[in-house]
Amino acid sequence: MTAATVDELSATFTALADPTRRAILTRLAAGEATVNQLAEPFALTQQAISKHIKVLERAGLISRSRVAQTRPCRLEPAGITNAAEWIGEHRQMWQERYDRLDEHLAALREDGAREAGA
């Protein structure tokens, strides 16, 4: 994994660490929305929502375009690809470790059963 990928991961996980930003991503999964539309369900100022949007944009999780006078936000699913791959790799590694631990514990139980029966 390159240093650039690690920095991208840090930006992605930092963005995902905040519940407001996760809620924004969930909303954008349903379709494009303006900052005002994204701010509606929150007891936050439009400025606060704009700051959250900038964090999500820097992480590559959303993008904004210009349509007339509005700047709708849209989800960028490719932005989460590196994080999903990283999680998948680590999940597989830990699953393999747990499987080896299970095998080791089963062997210990068999040895204990044999010693108890002897």
PDB file of N, CA and C in Angstrom:
ATOM      1  N   MET A   1       0.849  -1.166   0.000  1.00  0.00           N
ATOM      2  CA  MET A   1       0.000   0.000   0.000  1.00  0.00           C
ATOM      3  C   MET A   1       0.902   1.239   0.000  1.00  0.00           C
ATOM      4  N   THR A   2       0.617   2.168  -0.887  1.00  0.00           N
ATOM      5  CA  THR A   2       1.445   3.361  -1.017  1.00  0.00           C
ATOM      6  C   THR A   2       1.079   4.393   0.040  1.00  0.00           C
ATOM      7  N   ALA A   3       1.975   5.377   0.213  1.00  0.00           N
ATOM      8  CA  ALA A   3       1.715   6.452   1.163  1.00  0.00           C
ATOM      9  C   ALA A   3       0.481   7.239   0.757  1.00  0.00           C
ATOM     10  N   ALA A   4       0.288   7.422  -0.548  1.00  0.00           N
ATOM     11  CA  ALA A   4      -0.883   8.149  -1.026  1.00  0.00           C
ATOM     12  C   ALA A   4      -2.165   7.404  -0.674  1.00  0.00           C
ATOM     13  N   THR A   5      -2.140   6.073  -0.804  1.00  0.00           N
ATOM     14  CA  THR A   5      -3.319   5.276  -0.468  1.00  0.00           C
ATOM     15  C   THR A   5      -3.613   5.374   1.019  1.00  0.00           C
ATOM     16  N   VAL A   6      -2.567   5.344   1.846  1.00  0.00           N
ATOM     17  CA  VAL A   6      -2.752   5.467   3.294  1.00  0.00           C
ATOM     18  C   VAL A   6      -3.366   6.822   3.623  1.00  0.00           C
ATOM     19  N   ASP A   7      -2.888   7.895   2.969  1.00  0.00           N
ATOM     20  CA  ASP A   7      -3.465   9.220   3.202  1.00  0.00           C
ATOM     21  C   ASP A   7      -4.924   9.263   2.768  1.00  0.00           C
ATOM     22  N   GLU A   8      -5.240   8.628   1.643  1.00  0.00           N
ATOM     23  CA  GLU A   8      -6.625   8.549   1.197  1.00  0.00           C
ATOM     24  C   GLU A   8      -7.470   7.801   2.225  1.00  0.00           C
ATOM     25  N   LEU A   9      -6.928   6.706   2.751  1.00  0.00           N
ATOM     26  CA  LEU A   9      -7.648   5.940   3.772  1.00  0.00           C
ATOM     27  C   LEU A   9      -7.888   6.785   5.013  1.00  0.00           C
ATOM     28  N   SER A  10      -6.880   7.537   5.424  1.00  0.00           N
ATOM     29  CA  SER A  10      -7.027   8.394   6.600  1.00  0.00           C
ATOM     30  C   SER A  10      -8.136   9.417   6.372  1.00  0.00           C
ATOM     31  N   ALA A  11      -8.158  10.020   5.197  1.00  0.00           N
ATOM     32  CA  ALA A  11      -9.195  11.003   4.879  1.00  0.00           C
ATOM     33  C   ALA A  11     -10.572  10.338   4.857  1.00  0.00           C
ATOM     34  N   THR A  12     -10.649   9.148   4.284  1.00  0.00           N
ATOM     35  CA  THR A  12     -11.929   8.437   4.208  1.00  0.00           C
ATOM     36  C   THR A  12     -12.429   8.063   5.597  1.00  0.00           C
ATOM     37  N   PHE A  13     -11.549   7.458   6.411  1.00  0.00           N
ATOM     38  CA  PHE A  13     -11.987   7.042   7.746  1.00  0.00           C
ATOM     39  C   PHE A  13     -12.288   8.238   8.643  1.00  0.00           C
ATOM     40  N   THR A  14     -11.557   9.332   8.473  1.00  0.00           N
ATOM     41  CA  THR A  14     -11.857  10.548   9.224  1.00  0.00           C
ATOM     42  C   THR A  14     -13.233  11.068   8.846  1.00  0.00           C
ATOM     43  N   ALA A  15     -13.525  11.067   7.553  1.00  0.00           N
ATOM     44  CA  ALA A  15     -14.835  11.520   7.083  1.00  0.00           C
ATOM     45  C   ALA A  15     -15.939  10.618   7.611  1.00  0.00           C
ATOM     46  N   LEU A  16     -15.716   9.321   7.602  1.00  0.00           N
ATOM     47  CA  LEU A  16     -16.738   8.368   8.038  1.00  0.00           C
ATOM     48  C   LEU A  16     -16.906   8.317   9.556  1.00  0.00           C
ATOM     49  N   ALA A  17     -15.960   8.876  10.286  1.00  0.00           N
ATOM     50  CA  ALA A  17     -15.999   8.810  11.752  1.00  0.00           C
ATOM     51  C   ALA A  17     -17.115   9.664  12.353  1.00  0.00           C
ATOM     52  N   ASP A  18     -17.608  10.621  11.593  1.00  0.00           N
ATOM     53  CA  ASP A  18     -18.612  11.537  12.122  1.00  0.00           C
ATOM     54  C   ASP A  18     -20.028  11.089  11.730  1.00  0.00           C
ATOM     55  N   PRO A  19     -20.948  10.978  12.698  1.00  0.00           N
ATOM     56  CA  PRO A  19     -22.307  10.508  12.384  1.00  0.00           C
ATOM     57  C   PRO A  19     -23.065  11.448  11.442  1.00  0.00           C
ATOM     58  N   THR A  20     -22.815  12.745  11.528  1.00  0.00           N
ATOM     59  CA  THR A  20     -23.486  13.681  10.619  1.00  0.00           C
ATOM     60  C   THR A  20     -23.050  13.424   9.186  1.00  0.00           C
ATOM     61  N   ARG A  21     -21.752  13.203   8.995  1.00  0.00           N
ATOM     62  CA  ARG A  21     -21.259  12.949   7.631  1.00  0.00           C
ATOM     63  C   ARG A  21     -21.779  11.615   7.109  1.00  0.00           C
ATOM     64  N   ARG A  22     -21.868  10.608   7.975  1.00  0.00           N
ATOM     65  CA  ARG A  22     -22.449   9.327   7.532  1.00  0.00           C
ATOM     66  C   ARG A  22     -23.908   9.512   7.129  1.00  0.00           C
ATOM     67  N   ALA A  23     -24.638  10.330   7.878  1.00  0.00           N
ATOM     68  CA  ALA A  23     -26.039  10.595   7.552  1.00  0.00           C
ATOM     69  C   ALA A  23     -26.151  11.336   6.212  1.00  0.00           C
ATOM     70  N   ILE A  24     -25.237  12.241   5.956  1.00  0.00           N
ATOM     71  CA  ILE A  24     -25.223  12.944   4.670  1.00  0.00           C
ATOM     72  C   ILE A  24     -24.990  11.949   3.537  1.00  0.00           C
ATOM     73  N   LEU A  25     -24.046  11.039   3.735  1.00  0.00           N
ATOM     74  CA  LEU A  25     -23.786  10.022   2.704  1.00  0.00           C
ATOM     75  C   LEU A  25     -25.016   9.141   2.480  1.00  0.00           C
ATOM     76  N   THR A  26     -25.687   8.779   3.556  1.00  0.00           N
ATOM     77  CA  THR A  26     -26.896   7.964   3.444  1.00  0.00           C
ATOM     78  C   THR A  26     -27.955   8.718   2.638  1.00  0.00           C
ATOM     79  N   ARG A  27     -28.109   9.995   2.913  1.00  0.00           N
ATOM     80  CA  ARG A  27     -29.085  10.803   2.169  1.00  0.00           C
ATOM     81  C   ARG A  27     -28.703  10.866   0.697  1.00  0.00           C
ATOM     82  N   LEU A  28     -27.411  11.073   0.405  1.00  0.00           N
ATOM     83  CA  LEU A  28     -26.975  11.184  -0.984  1.00  0.00           C
ATOM     84  C   LEU A  28     -27.071   9.861  -1.734  1.00  0.00           C
ATOM     85  N   ALA A  29     -27.134   8.760  -1.014  1.00  0.00           N
ATOM     86  CA  ALA A  29     -27.324   7.461  -1.669  1.00  0.00           C
ATOM     87  C   ALA A  29     -28.690   7.409  -2.357  1.00  0.00           C
ATOM     88  N   ALA A  30     -29.621   8.237  -1.907  1.00  0.00           N
ATOM     89  CA  ALA A  30     -30.952   8.301  -2.520  1.00  0.00           C
ATOM     90  C   ALA A  30     -30.986   9.240  -3.721  1.00  0.00           C
ATOM     91  N   GLY A  31     -29.933  10.031  -3.913  1.00  0.00           N
ATOM     92  CA  GLY A  31     -29.886  10.950  -5.046  1.00  0.00           C
ATOM     93  C   GLY A  31     -29.243  12.280  -4.679  1.00  0.00           C
ATOM     94  N   GLU A  32     -29.010  13.084  -5.695  1.00  0.00           N
ATOM     95  CA  GLU A  32     -28.373  14.390  -5.501  1.00  0.00           C
ATOM     96  C   GLU A  32     -29.184  15.264  -4.549  1.00  0.00           C
ATOM     97  N   ALA A  33     -28.482  16.184  -3.882  1.00  0.00           N
ATOM     98  CA  ALA A  33     -29.148  17.127  -2.979  1.00  0.00           C
ATOM     99  C   ALA A  33     -28.304  18.381  -2.858  1.00  0.00           C
ATOM    100  N   THR A  34     -28.971  19.498  -2.617  1.00  0.00           N
ATOM    101  CA  THR A  34     -28.261  20.751  -2.375  1.00  0.00           C
ATOM    102  C   THR A  34     -27.852  20.813  -0.905  1.00  0.00           C
ATOM    103  N   VAL A  35     -27.015  21.783  -0.580  1.00  0.00           N
ATOM    104  CA  VAL A  35     -26.597  21.959   0.813  1.00  0.00           C
ATOM    105  C   VAL A  35     -27.821  22.233   1.686  1.00  0.00           C
ATOM    106  N   ASN A  36     -28.739  23.061   1.189  1.00  0.00           N
ATOM    107  CA  ASN A  36     -29.959  23.350   1.969  1.00  0.00           C
ATOM    108  C   ASN A  36     -30.760  22.085   2.223  1.00  0.00           C
ATOM    109  N   GLN A  37     -30.896  21.246   1.221  1.00  0.00           N
ATOM    110  CA  GLN A  37     -31.635  19.989   1.395  1.00  0.00           C
ATOM    111  C   GLN A  37     -30.923  19.074   2.376  1.00  0.00           C
ATOM    112  N   LEU A  38     -29.596  19.052   2.320  1.00  0.00           N
ATOM    113  CA  LEU A  38     -28.831  18.205   3.246  1.00  0.00           C
ATOM    114  C   LEU A  38     -28.910  18.731   4.675  1.00  0.00           C
ATOM    115  N   ALA A  39     -29.042  20.053   4.827  1.00  0.00           N
ATOM    116  CA  ALA A  39     -29.085  20.658   6.163  1.00  0.00           C
ATOM    117  C   ALA A  39     -30.431  20.471   6.855  1.00  0.00           C
ATOM    118  N   GLU A  40     -31.507  20.246   6.082  1.00  0.00           N
ATOM    119  CA  GLU A  40     -32.866  20.203   6.641  1.00  0.00           C
ATOM    120  C   GLU A  40     -33.039  19.308   7.870  1.00  0.00           C
ATOM    121  N   PRO A  41     -32.579  18.056   7.844  1.00  0.00           N
ATOM    122  CA  PRO A  41     -32.873  17.196   9.006  1.00  0.00           C
ATOM    123  C   PRO A  41     -31.988  17.454  10.235  1.00  0.00           C
ATOM    124  N   PHE A  42     -31.021  18.347  10.115  1.00  0.00           N
ATOM    125  CA  PHE A  42     -30.073  18.554  11.210  1.00  0.00           C
ATOM    126  C   PHE A  42     -30.322  19.880  11.916  1.00  0.00           C
ATOM    127  N   ALA A  43     -30.019  19.898  13.190  1.00  0.00           N
ATOM    128  CA  ALA A  43     -30.084  21.141  13.961  1.00  0.00           C
ATOM    129  C   ALA A  43     -28.721  21.825  13.877  1.00  0.00           C
ATOM    130  N   LEU A  44     -28.260  22.015  12.641  1.00  0.00           N
ATOM    131  CA  LEU A  44     -26.962  22.632  12.392  1.00  0.00           C
ATOM    132  C   LEU A  44     -27.148  23.772  11.408  1.00  0.00           C
ATOM    133  N   THR A  45     -26.226  24.722  11.453  1.00  0.00           N
ATOM    134  CA  THR A  45     -26.275  25.817  10.493  1.00  0.00           C
ATOM    135  C   THR A  45     -25.832  25.319   9.119  1.00  0.00           C
ATOM    136  N   GLN A  46     -26.171  26.089   8.108  1.00  0.00           N
ATOM    137  CA  GLN A  46     -25.747  25.746   6.757  1.00  0.00           C
ATOM    138  C   GLN A  46     -24.222  25.769   6.676  1.00  0.00           C
ATOM    139  N   GLN A  47     -23.579  26.658   7.436  1.00  0.00           N
ATOM    140  CA  GLN A  47     -22.111  26.713   7.477  1.00  0.00           C
ATOM    141  C   GLN A  47     -21.538  25.409   8.020  1.00  0.00           C
ATOM    142  N   ALA A  48     -22.130  24.890   9.066  1.00  0.00           N
ATOM    143  CA  ALA A  48     -21.644  23.640   9.655  1.00  0.00           C
ATOM    144  C   ALA A  48     -21.792  22.496   8.657  1.00  0.00           C
ATOM    145  N   ILE A  49     -22.934  22.438   7.987  1.00  0.00           N
ATOM    146  CA  ILE A  49     -23.149  21.396   6.979  1.00  0.00           C
ATOM    147  C   ILE A  49     -22.131  21.554   5.854  1.00  0.00           C
ATOM    148  N   SER A  50     -21.867  22.796   5.451  1.00  0.00           N
ATOM    149  CA  SER A  50     -20.877  23.052   4.388  1.00  0.00           C
ATOM    150  C   SER A  50     -19.501  22.539   4.785  1.00  0.00           C
ATOM    151  N   LYS A  51     -19.143  22.680   6.045  1.00  0.00           N
ATOM    152  CA  LYS A  51     -17.851  22.159   6.515  1.00  0.00           C
ATOM    153  C   LYS A  51     -17.822  20.638   6.418  1.00  0.00           C
ATOM    154  N   HIS A  52     -18.916  19.995   6.798  1.00  0.00           N
ATOM    155  CA  HIS A  52     -18.989  18.537   6.682  1.00  0.00           C
ATOM    156  C   HIS A  52     -18.874  18.121   5.213  1.00  0.00           C
ATOM    157  N   ILE A  53     -19.524  18.852   4.345  1.00  0.00           N
ATOM    158  CA  ILE A  53     -19.478  18.540   2.913  1.00  0.00           C
ATOM    159  C   ILE A  53     -18.052  18.676   2.380  1.00  0.00           C
ATOM    160  N   LYS A  54     -17.337  19.679   2.828  1.00  0.00           N
ATOM    161  CA  LYS A  54     -15.940  19.851   2.385  1.00  0.00           C
ATOM    162  C   LYS A  54     -15.075  18.673   2.819  1.00  0.00           C
ATOM    163  N   VAL A  55     -15.296  18.170   4.028  1.00  0.00           N
ATOM    164  CA  VAL A  55     -14.549  17.001   4.505  1.00  0.00           C
ATOM    165  C   VAL A  55     -14.855  15.796   3.615  1.00  0.00           C
ATOM    166  N   LEU A  56     -16.130  15.604   3.300  1.00  0.00           N
ATOM    167  CA  LEU A  56     -16.527  14.487   2.440  1.00  0.00           C
ATOM    168  C   LEU A  56     -15.963  14.648   1.029  1.00  0.00           C
ATOM    169  N   GLU A  57     -15.923  15.872   0.542  1.00  0.00           N
ATOM    170  CA  GLU A  57     -15.363  16.139  -0.787  1.00  0.00           C
ATOM    171  C   GLU A  57     -13.864  15.846  -0.820  1.00  0.00           C
ATOM    172  N   ARG A  58     -13.144  16.336   0.183  1.00  0.00           N
ATOM    173  CA  ARG A  58     -11.684  16.087   0.240  1.00  0.00           C
ATOM    174  C   ARG A  58     -11.382  14.599   0.307  1.00  0.00           C
ATOM    175  N   ALA A  59     -12.263  13.835   0.930  1.00  0.00           N
ATOM    176  CA  ALA A  59     -12.071  12.381   1.028  1.00  0.00           C
ATOM    177  C   ALA A  59     -12.475  11.671  -0.263  1.00  0.00           C
ATOM    178  N   GLY A  60     -13.049  12.408  -1.207  1.00  0.00           N
ATOM    179  CA  GLY A  60     -13.463  11.814  -2.471  1.00  0.00           C
ATOM    180  C   GLY A  60     -14.753  11.012  -2.373  1.00  0.00           C
ATOM    181  N   LEU A  61     -15.517  11.234  -1.305  1.00  0.00           N
ATOM    182  CA  LEU A  61     -16.757  10.478  -1.108  1.00  0.00           C
ATOM    183  C   LEU A  61     -17.953  11.134  -1.786  1.00  0.00           C
ATOM    184  N   ILE A  62     -17.866  12.450  -2.012  1.00  0.00           N
ATOM    185  CA  ILE A  62     -18.920  13.157  -2.732  1.00  0.00           C
ATOM    186  C   ILE A  62     -18.281  14.146  -3.698  1.00  0.00           C
ATOM    187  N   SER A  63     -19.085  14.627  -4.628  1.00  0.00           N
ATOM    188  CA  SER A  63     -18.644  15.688  -5.533  1.00  0.00           C
ATOM    189  C   SER A  63     -19.788  16.677  -5.668  1.00  0.00           C
ATOM    190  N   ARG A  64     -19.449  17.872  -6.139  1.00  0.00           N
ATOM    191  CA  ARG A  64     -20.467  18.897  -6.377  1.00  0.00           C
ATOM    192  C   ARG A  64     -20.331  19.377  -7.810  1.00  0.00           C
ATOM    193  N   SER A  65     -21.455  19.687  -8.401  1.00  0.00           N
ATOM    194  CA  SER A  65     -21.464  20.238  -9.751  1.00  0.00           C
ATOM    195  C   SER A  65     -22.231  21.556  -9.714  1.00  0.00           C
ATOM    196  N   ARG A  66     -22.240  22.244 -10.819  1.00  0.00           N
ATOM    197  CA  ARG A  66     -22.988  23.503 -10.880  1.00  0.00           C
ATOM    198  C   ARG A  66     -24.131  23.313 -11.877  1.00  0.00           C
ATOM    199  N   VAL A  67     -25.336  23.536 -11.381  1.00  0.00           N
ATOM    200  CA  VAL A  67     -26.530  23.486 -12.217  1.00  0.00           C
ATOM    201  C   VAL A  67     -27.266  24.795 -11.980  1.00  0.00           C
ATOM    202  N   ALA A  68     -27.184  25.702 -12.958  1.00  0.00           N
ATOM    203  CA  ALA A  68     -27.769  27.044 -12.839  1.00  0.00           C
ATOM    204  C   ALA A  68     -27.202  27.709 -11.582  1.00  0.00           C
ATOM    205  N   GLN A  69     -28.069  28.032 -10.637  1.00  0.00           N
ATOM    206  CA  GLN A  69     -27.620  28.723  -9.422  1.00  0.00           C
ATOM    207  C   GLN A  69     -27.316  27.763  -8.274  1.00  0.00           C
ATOM    208  N   THR A  70     -27.510  26.477  -8.475  1.00  0.00           N
ATOM    209  CA  THR A  70     -27.307  25.519  -7.386  1.00  0.00           C
ATOM    210  C   THR A  70     -26.037  24.705  -7.611  1.00  0.00           C
ATOM    211  N   ARG A  71     -25.562  24.121  -6.527  1.00  0.00           N
ATOM    212  CA  ARG A  71     -24.405  23.226  -6.575  1.00  0.00           C
ATOM    213  C   ARG A  71     -24.784  21.921  -5.904  1.00  0.00           C
ATOM    214  N   PRO A  72     -25.488  21.068  -6.624  1.00  0.00           N
ATOM    215  CA  PRO A  72     -25.914  19.810  -6.008  1.00  0.00           C
ATOM    216  C   PRO A  72     -24.727  18.905  -5.677  1.00  0.00           C
ATOM    217  N   CYS A  73     -24.886  18.179  -4.586  1.00  0.00           N
ATOM    218  CA  CYS A  73     -23.886  17.200  -4.156  1.00  0.00           C
ATOM    219  C   CYS A  73     -24.343  15.833  -4.626  1.00  0.00           C
ATOM    220  N   ARG A  74     -23.373  14.990  -4.949  1.00  0.00           N
ATOM    221  CA  ARG A  74     -23.709  13.619  -5.338  1.00  0.00           C
ATOM    222  C   ARG A  74     -22.679  12.685  -4.712  1.00  0.00           C
ATOM    223  N   LEU A  75     -23.160  11.506  -4.420  1.00  0.00           N
ATOM    224  CA  LEU A  75     -22.317  10.456  -3.851  1.00  0.00           C
ATOM    225  C   LEU A  75     -21.328   9.976  -4.906  1.00  0.00           C
ATOM    226  N   GLU A  76     -20.099   9.731  -4.504  1.00  0.00           N
ATOM    227  CA  GLU A  76     -19.063   9.164  -5.375  1.00  0.00           C
ATOM    228  C   GLU A  76     -18.676   7.802  -4.810  1.00  0.00           C
ATOM    229  N   PRO A  77     -19.367   6.740  -5.215  1.00  0.00           N
ATOM    230  CA  PRO A  77     -19.117   5.414  -4.642  1.00  0.00           C
ATOM    231  C   PRO A  77     -17.669   4.953  -4.798  1.00  0.00           C
ATOM    232  N   ALA A  78     -17.003   5.370  -5.866  1.00  0.00           N
ATOM    233  CA  ALA A  78     -15.612   4.963  -6.059  1.00  0.00           C
ATOM    234  C   ALA A  78     -14.715   5.500  -4.948  1.00  0.00           C
ATOM    235  N   GLY A  79     -15.161   6.557  -4.284  1.00  0.00           N
ATOM    236  CA  GLY A  79     -14.364   7.150  -3.212  1.00  0.00           C
ATOM    237  C   GLY A  79     -14.157   6.219  -2.028  1.00  0.00           C
ATOM    238  N   ILE A  80     -15.022   5.260  -1.875  1.00  0.00           N
ATOM    239  CA  ILE A  80     -14.911   4.357  -0.725  1.00  0.00           C
ATOM    240  C   ILE A  80     -14.236   3.040  -1.091  1.00  0.00           C
ATOM    241  N   THR A  81     -13.894   2.875  -2.354  1.00  0.00           N
ATOM    242  CA  THR A  81     -13.330   1.609  -2.834  1.00  0.00           C
ATOM    243  C   THR A  81     -12.069   1.207  -2.076  1.00  0.00           C
ATOM    244  N   ASN A  82     -11.110   2.126  -1.915  1.00  0.00           N
ATOM    245  CA  ASN A  82      -9.865   1.778  -1.208  1.00  0.00           C
ATOM    246  C   ASN A  82     -10.130   1.340   0.221  1.00  0.00           C
ATOM    247  N   ALA A  83     -11.051   2.043   0.888  1.00  0.00           N
ATOM    248  CA  ALA A  83     -11.374   1.671   2.274  1.00  0.00           C
ATOM    249  C   ALA A  83     -12.019   0.294   2.319  1.00  0.00           C
ATOM    250  N   ALA A  84     -12.912   0.024   1.382  1.00  0.00           N
ATOM    251  CA  ALA A  84     -13.581  -1.290   1.346  1.00  0.00           C
ATOM    252  C   ALA A  84     -12.567  -2.396   1.073  1.00  0.00           C
ATOM    253  N   GLU A  85     -11.622  -2.143   0.177  1.00  0.00           N
ATOM    254  CA  GLU A  85     -10.582  -3.142  -0.108  1.00  0.00           C
ATOM    255  C   GLU A  85      -9.706  -3.364   1.112  1.00  0.00           C
ATOM    256  N   TRP A  86      -9.321  -2.286   1.793  1.00  0.00           N
ATOM    257  CA  TRP A  86      -8.478  -2.390   2.984  1.00  0.00           C
ATOM    258  C   TRP A  86      -9.199  -3.198   4.062  1.00  0.00           C
ATOM    259  N   ILE A  87     -10.470  -2.895   4.278  1.00  0.00           N
ATOM    260  CA  ILE A  87     -11.258  -3.625   5.271  1.00  0.00           C
ATOM    261  C   ILE A  87     -11.352  -5.100   4.874  1.00  0.00           C
ATOM    262  N   GLY A  88     -11.595  -5.361   3.598  1.00  0.00           N
ATOM    263  CA  GLY A  88     -11.699  -6.742   3.122  1.00  0.00           C
ATOM    264  C   GLY A  88     -10.423  -7.529   3.345  1.00  0.00           C
ATOM    265  N   GLU A  89      -9.282  -6.912   3.038  1.00  0.00           N
ATOM    266  CA  GLU A  89      -7.991  -7.589   3.242  1.00  0.00           C
ATOM    267  C   GLU A  89      -7.777  -7.911   4.722  1.00  0.00           C
ATOM    268  N   HIS A  90      -8.054  -6.941   5.580  1.00  0.00           N
ATOM    269  CA  HIS A  90      -7.850  -7.157   7.008  1.00  0.00           C
ATOM    270  C   HIS A  90      -8.877  -8.125   7.585  1.00  0.00           C
ATOM    271  N   ARG A  91     -10.076  -8.106   7.062  1.00  0.00           N
ATOM    272  CA  ARG A  91     -11.088  -9.049   7.515  1.00  0.00           C
ATOM    273  C   ARG A  91     -10.642 -10.473   7.187  1.00  0.00           C
ATOM    274  N   GLN A  92     -10.140 -10.670   5.979  1.00  0.00           N
ATOM    275  CA  GLN A  92      -9.667 -12.000   5.580  1.00  0.00           C
ATOM    276  C   GLN A  92      -8.507 -12.447   6.461  1.00  0.00           C
ATOM    277  N   MET A  93      -7.560 -11.542   6.732  1.00  0.00           N
ATOM    278  CA  MET A  93      -6.415 -11.880   7.574  1.00  0.00           C
ATOM    279  C   MET A  93      -6.884 -12.314   8.965  1.00  0.00           C
ATOM    280  N   TRP A  94      -7.800 -11.554   9.571  1.00  0.00           N
ATOM    281  CA  TRP A  94      -8.275 -11.886  10.909  1.00  0.00           C
ATOM    282  C   TRP A  94      -9.107 -13.158  10.901  1.00  0.00           C
ATOM    283  N   GLN A  95      -9.864 -13.392   9.847  1.00  0.00           N
ATOM    284  CA  GLN A  95     -10.638 -14.630   9.761  1.00  0.00           C
ATOM    285  C   GLN A  95      -9.709 -15.833   9.728  1.00  0.00           C
ATOM    286  N   GLU A  96      -8.609 -15.719   8.952  1.00  0.00           N
ATOM    287  CA  GLU A  96      -7.635 -16.809   8.891  1.00  0.00           C
ATOM    288  C   GLU A  96      -7.001 -17.042  10.256  1.00  0.00           C
ATOM    289  N   ARG A  97      -6.723 -15.968  10.984  1.00  0.00           N
ATOM    290  CA  ARG A  97      -6.136 -16.105  12.324  1.00  0.00           C
ATOM    291  C   ARG A  97      -7.119 -16.768  13.283  1.00  0.00           C
ATOM    292  N   TYR A  98      -8.378 -16.372  13.218  1.00  0.00           N
ATOM    293  CA  TYR A  98      -9.394 -16.996  14.077  1.00  0.00           C
ATOM    294  C   TYR A  98      -9.565 -18.474  13.731  1.00  0.00           C
ATOM    295  N   ASP A  99      -9.515 -18.799  12.449  1.00  0.00           N
ATOM    296  CA  ASP A  99      -9.629 -20.197  12.038  1.00  0.00           C
ATOM    297  C   ASP A  99      -8.470 -21.015  12.607  1.00  0.00           C
ATOM    298  N   ARG A 100      -7.247 -20.460  12.541  1.00  0.00           N
ATOM    299  CA  ARG A 100      -6.087 -21.171  13.107  1.00  0.00           C
ATOM    300  C   ARG A 100      -6.223 -21.318  14.620  1.00  0.00           C
ATOM    301  N   LEU A 101      -6.737 -20.288  15.276  1.00  0.00           N
ATOM    302  CA  LEU A 101      -6.950 -20.352  16.718  1.00  0.00           C
ATOM    303  C   LEU A 101      -7.975 -21.439  17.050  1.00  0.00           C
ATOM    304  N   ASP A 102      -9.066 -21.495  16.288  1.00  0.00           N
ATOM    305  CA  ASP A 102     -10.071 -22.542  16.498  1.00  0.00           C
ATOM    306  C   ASP A 102      -9.455 -23.927  16.369  1.00  0.00           C
ATOM    307  N   GLU A 103      -8.621 -24.112  15.337  1.00  0.00           N
ATOM    308  CA  GLU A 103      -7.959 -25.407  15.135  1.00  0.00           C
ATOM    309  C   GLU A 103      -7.047 -25.734  16.309  1.00  0.00           C
ATOM    310  N   HIS A 104      -6.311 -24.741  16.782  1.00  0.00           N
ATOM    311  CA  HIS A 104      -5.397 -24.946  17.906  1.00  0.00           C
ATOM    312  C   HIS A 104      -6.176 -25.307  19.168  1.00  0.00           C
ATOM    313  N   LEU A 105      -7.264 -24.600  19.424  1.00  0.00           N
ATOM    314  CA  LEU A 105      -8.066 -24.886  20.615  1.00  0.00           C
ATOM    315  C   LEU A 105      -8.702 -26.270  20.538  1.00  0.00           C
ATOM    316  N   ALA A 106      -9.144 -26.668  19.345  1.00  0.00           N
ATOM    317  CA  ALA A 106      -9.717 -28.006  19.168  1.00  0.00           C
ATOM    318  C   ALA A 106      -8.658 -29.069  19.455  1.00  0.00           C
ATOM    319  N   ALA A 107      -7.417 -28.831  18.986  1.00  0.00           N
ATOM    320  CA  ALA A 107      -6.330 -29.781  19.236  1.00  0.00           C
ATOM    321  C   ALA A 107      -6.028 -29.864  20.730  1.00  0.00           C
ATOM    322  N   LEU A 108      -6.044 -28.734  21.421  1.00  0.00           N
ATOM    323  CA  LEU A 108      -5.802 -28.731  22.861  1.00  0.00           C
ATOM    324  C   LEU A 108      -6.899 -29.496  23.599  1.00  0.00           C
ATOM    325  N   ARG A 109      -8.154 -29.310  23.175  1.00  0.00           N
ATOM    326  CA  ARG A 109      -9.267 -30.037  23.809  1.00  0.00           C
ATOM    327  C   ARG A 109      -9.111 -31.537  23.587  1.00  0.00           C
ATOM    328  N   GLU A 110      -8.718 -31.937  22.375  1.00  0.00           N
ATOM    329  CA  GLU A 110      -8.516 -33.366  22.090  1.00  0.00           C
ATOM    330  C   GLU A 110      -7.398 -33.921  22.959  1.00  0.00           C
ATOM    331  N   ASP A 111      -6.296 -33.178  23.076  1.00  0.00           N
ATOM    332  CA  ASP A 111      -5.185 -33.633  23.915  1.00  0.00           C
ATOM    333  C   ASP A 111      -5.624 -33.748  25.369  1.00  0.00           C
ATOM    334  N   GLY A 112      -6.406 -32.781  25.827  1.00  0.00           N
ATOM    335  CA  GLY A 112      -6.898 -32.812  27.232  1.00  0.00           C
ATOM    336  C   GLY A 112      -7.830 -33.991  27.451  1.00  0.00           C
ATOM    337  N   ALA A 113      -8.667 -34.287  26.465  1.00  0.00           N
ATOM    338  CA  ALA A 113      -9.593 -35.412  26.581  1.00  0.00           C
ATOM    339  C   ALA A 113      -8.832 -36.729  26.611  1.00  0.00           C
ATOM    340  N   ARG A 114      -7.794 -36.838  25.778  1.00  0.00           N
ATOM    341  CA  ARG A 114      -6.987 -38.059  25.768  1.00  0.00           C
ATOM    342  C   ARG A 114      -6.261 -38.258  27.088  1.00  0.00           C
ATOM    343  N   GLU A 115      -5.713 -37.170  27.646  1.00  0.00           N
ATOM    344  CA  GLU A 115      -5.007 -37.262  28.924  1.00  0.00           C
ATOM    345  C   GLU A 115      -5.973 -37.617  30.050  1.00  0.00           C
ATOM    346  N   ALA A 116      -7.160 -37.105  30.001  1.00  0.00           N
ATOM    347  CA  ALA A 116      -8.158 -37.395  31.051  1.00  0.00           C
ATOM    348  C   ALA A 116      -8.620 -38.850  30.965  1.00  0.00           C
ATOM    349  N   GLY A 117      -8.663 -39.394  29.747  1.00  0.00           N
ATOM    350  CA  GLY A 117      -9.096 -40.772  29.564  1.00  0.00           C
ATOM    351  C   GLY A 117      -7.993 -41.781  29.825  1.00  0.00           C
ATOM    352  N   ALA A 118      -6.761 -41.343  29.861  1.00  0.00           N
ATOM    353  CA  ALA A 118      -5.653 -42.276  30.032  1.00  0.00           C
ATOM    354  C   ALA A 118      -5.412 -42.648  31.455  1.00  0.00           C
TER     355      ALA A 118
END
